[in-house]
Amino acid sequence: MSQLVQDTSGLYIPKHDHLTFTYVASGNGTGEISTITYRSGGSSGTTVAVVTMTYNSDDKLSTLTLV
């Protein structure tokens, strides 16, 4: 899976075995994903990458940042 992410988006996501999603309420009342935390070693393992997303006033994805 991580190789697919690397190939399709141009972002390098290190090898991982757990994802945690954080949501933020959007203008239309639905929850949008604001962060994805990638971990190696399960849910309490080492964080290997964090993707942060922001949305515009139309609830469209505006930015995506990989740390």
N, C-alpha and C. Protein backbone atom coordinates (compact mmCIF):
# COMPACT_ATOMS: atom_id res chain seq x y z
N MET A 1 0.82 -1.20 0.00
CA MET A 1 0.00 0.00 0.00
C MET A 1 0.86 1.25 0.00
N SER A 2 1.91 1.28 0.82
CA SER A 2 2.73 2.49 0.88
C SER A 2 3.39 2.78 -0.46
N GLN A 3 3.77 1.74 -1.21
CA GLN A 3 4.36 1.95 -2.53
C GLN A 3 3.35 2.59 -3.47
N LEU A 4 2.09 2.17 -3.40
CA LEU A 4 1.04 2.77 -4.22
C LEU A 4 0.89 4.24 -3.91
N VAL A 5 0.87 4.61 -2.64
CA VAL A 5 0.76 6.02 -2.26
C VAL A 5 1.94 6.81 -2.82
N GLN A 6 3.13 6.26 -2.70
CA GLN A 6 4.32 6.95 -3.21
C GLN A 6 4.22 7.15 -4.71
N ASP A 7 3.79 6.15 -5.44
CA ASP A 7 3.77 6.22 -6.89
C ASP A 7 2.68 7.14 -7.43
N THR A 8 1.54 7.20 -6.77
CA THR A 8 0.43 7.96 -7.33
C THR A 8 0.41 9.42 -6.92
N SER A 9 0.97 9.74 -5.78
CA SER A 9 0.87 11.12 -5.33
C SER A 9 2.19 11.88 -5.35
N GLY A 10 3.29 11.17 -5.48
CA GLY A 10 4.59 11.82 -5.43
C GLY A 10 5.05 12.11 -4.02
N LEU A 11 4.26 11.73 -3.02
CA LEU A 11 4.63 11.92 -1.62
C LEU A 11 5.25 10.62 -1.12
N TYR A 12 6.31 10.73 -0.35
CA TYR A 12 6.93 9.55 0.22
C TYR A 12 6.36 9.29 1.60
N ILE A 13 5.63 8.20 1.75
CA ILE A 13 5.11 7.76 3.03
C ILE A 13 5.91 6.52 3.42
N PRO A 14 6.70 6.59 4.50
CA PRO A 14 7.49 5.42 4.91
C PRO A 14 6.61 4.21 5.22
N LYS A 15 7.24 3.05 5.29
CA LYS A 15 6.53 1.82 5.61
C LYS A 15 5.79 2.00 6.94
N HIS A 16 4.53 1.56 6.98
CA HIS A 16 3.69 1.75 8.15
C HIS A 16 2.70 0.59 8.26
N ASP A 17 2.11 0.42 9.44
CA ASP A 17 1.12 -0.63 9.62
C ASP A 17 -0.13 -0.15 10.37
N HIS A 18 -0.21 1.16 10.60
CA HIS A 18 -1.38 1.69 11.30
C HIS A 18 -1.64 3.13 10.87
N LEU A 19 -2.92 3.47 10.68
CA LEU A 19 -3.34 4.84 10.33
C LEU A 19 -4.31 5.33 11.39
N THR A 20 -4.19 6.61 11.76
CA THR A 20 -5.15 7.27 12.64
C THR A 20 -5.67 8.50 11.91
N PHE A 21 -6.99 8.65 11.85
CA PHE A 21 -7.61 9.78 11.19
C PHE A 21 -8.17 10.75 12.23
N THR A 22 -7.98 12.04 12.00
CA THR A 22 -8.57 13.09 12.82
C THR A 22 -9.51 13.88 11.92
N TYR A 23 -10.71 14.15 12.41
CA TYR A 23 -11.72 14.83 11.61
C TYR A 23 -11.99 16.24 12.14
N VAL A 24 -12.44 17.10 11.26
CA VAL A 24 -12.86 18.45 11.62
C VAL A 24 -14.23 18.68 10.98
N ALA A 25 -15.12 19.38 11.69
CA ALA A 25 -16.44 19.67 11.14
C ALA A 25 -16.31 20.65 9.99
N SER A 26 -17.04 20.42 8.93
CA SER A 26 -17.01 21.32 7.78
C SER A 26 -18.28 22.16 7.75
N GLY A 27 -18.31 23.11 6.82
CA GLY A 27 -19.44 24.02 6.71
C GLY A 27 -20.76 23.34 6.41
N ASN A 28 -20.71 22.17 5.72
CA ASN A 28 -21.96 21.51 5.37
C ASN A 28 -22.39 20.50 6.42
N GLY A 29 -21.71 20.49 7.57
CA GLY A 29 -22.12 19.63 8.67
C GLY A 29 -21.52 18.24 8.65
N THR A 30 -20.73 17.93 7.65
CA THR A 30 -20.08 16.63 7.61
C THR A 30 -18.67 16.76 8.13
N GLY A 31 -18.07 15.67 8.51
CA GLY A 31 -16.70 15.70 9.01
C GLY A 31 -15.71 15.43 7.89
N GLU A 32 -14.74 16.29 7.76
CA GLU A 32 -13.67 16.11 6.78
C GLU A 32 -12.43 15.64 7.53
N ILE A 33 -11.61 14.83 6.88
CA ILE A 33 -10.36 14.39 7.49
C ILE A 33 -9.41 15.57 7.53
N SER A 34 -8.87 15.86 8.72
CA SER A 34 -7.91 16.96 8.83
C SER A 34 -6.48 16.46 8.93
N THR A 35 -6.27 15.29 9.54
CA THR A 35 -4.93 14.71 9.59
C THR A 35 -5.00 13.20 9.46
N ILE A 36 -3.95 12.65 8.88
CA ILE A 36 -3.73 11.20 8.85
C ILE A 36 -2.36 10.98 9.46
N THR A 37 -2.32 10.20 10.52
CA THR A 37 -1.05 9.88 11.17
C THR A 37 -0.69 8.44 10.82
N TYR A 38 0.50 8.27 10.26
CA TYR A 38 1.00 6.96 9.86
C TYR A 38 1.97 6.47 10.93
N ARG A 39 1.77 5.22 11.41
CA ARG A 39 2.62 4.67 12.46
C ARG A 39 3.16 3.30 12.06
N SER A 40 4.33 3.02 12.57
CA SER A 40 4.95 1.71 12.44
C SER A 40 5.00 1.09 13.83
N GLY A 41 4.44 -0.10 13.98
CA GLY A 41 4.42 -0.75 15.29
C GLY A 41 3.06 -0.69 15.95
N GLY A 42 2.01 -0.53 15.18
CA GLY A 42 0.66 -0.53 15.72
C GLY A 42 0.19 0.84 16.18
N SER A 43 -0.95 0.83 16.87
CA SER A 43 -1.61 2.09 17.24
C SER A 43 -0.80 2.95 18.20
N SER A 44 0.09 2.35 18.97
CA SER A 44 0.92 3.15 19.88
C SER A 44 2.38 3.17 19.44
N GLY A 45 2.60 2.80 18.17
CA GLY A 45 3.96 2.74 17.64
C GLY A 45 4.54 4.09 17.30
N THR A 46 5.64 4.06 16.59
CA THR A 46 6.37 5.26 16.20
C THR A 46 5.67 5.95 15.03
N THR A 47 5.44 7.25 15.14
CA THR A 47 4.88 8.03 14.04
C THR A 47 5.95 8.20 12.98
N VAL A 48 5.62 7.78 11.74
CA VAL A 48 6.58 7.89 10.64
C VAL A 48 6.24 9.00 9.67
N ALA A 49 4.98 9.47 9.68
CA ALA A 49 4.57 10.57 8.81
C ALA A 49 3.20 11.08 9.27
N VAL A 50 2.96 12.36 9.00
CA VAL A 50 1.65 12.97 9.27
C VAL A 50 1.27 13.78 8.04
N VAL A 51 0.07 13.54 7.54
CA VAL A 51 -0.47 14.32 6.43
C VAL A 51 -1.55 15.23 7.00
N THR A 52 -1.44 16.53 6.74
CA THR A 52 -2.41 17.52 7.21
C THR A 52 -3.13 18.10 6.01
N MET A 53 -4.45 18.20 6.09
CA MET A 53 -5.26 18.73 5.01
C MET A 53 -6.07 19.93 5.48
N THR A 54 -6.21 20.91 4.61
CA THR A 54 -7.08 22.04 4.88
C THR A 54 -8.10 22.14 3.75
N TYR A 55 -9.20 22.79 4.04
CA TYR A 55 -10.32 22.89 3.10
C TYR A 55 -10.72 24.35 2.92
N ASN A 56 -11.25 24.67 1.74
CA ASN A 56 -11.72 26.03 1.48
C ASN A 56 -13.17 26.17 1.95
N SER A 57 -13.75 27.33 1.72
CA SER A 57 -15.11 27.60 2.21
C SER A 57 -16.17 26.74 1.52
N ASP A 58 -15.83 26.10 0.40
CA ASP A 58 -16.75 25.19 -0.29
C ASP A 58 -16.52 23.74 0.12
N ASP A 59 -15.73 23.54 1.17
CA ASP A 59 -15.40 22.20 1.68
C ASP A 59 -14.63 21.36 0.66
N LYS A 60 -13.89 22.02 -0.20
CA LYS A 60 -13.03 21.35 -1.16
C LYS A 60 -11.61 21.34 -0.61
N LEU A 61 -10.89 20.24 -0.83
CA LEU A 61 -9.52 20.15 -0.36
C LEU A 61 -8.70 21.29 -0.93
N SER A 62 -8.02 22.00 -0.06
CA SER A 62 -7.25 23.18 -0.48
C SER A 62 -5.75 22.90 -0.42
N THR A 63 -5.27 22.33 0.69
CA THR A 63 -3.85 22.02 0.81
C THR A 63 -3.66 20.64 1.42
N LEU A 64 -2.54 20.04 1.11
CA LEU A 64 -2.14 18.77 1.68
C LEU A 64 -0.66 18.87 1.99
N THR A 65 -0.29 18.67 3.25
CA THR A 65 1.09 18.83 3.69
C THR A 65 1.55 17.54 4.34
N LEU A 66 2.73 17.08 3.95
CA LEU A 66 3.33 15.89 4.54
C LEU A 66 4.48 16.30 5.44
N VAL A 67 4.45 15.83 6.68
CA VAL A 67 5.54 16.09 7.63
C VAL A 67 6.09 14.75 8.07
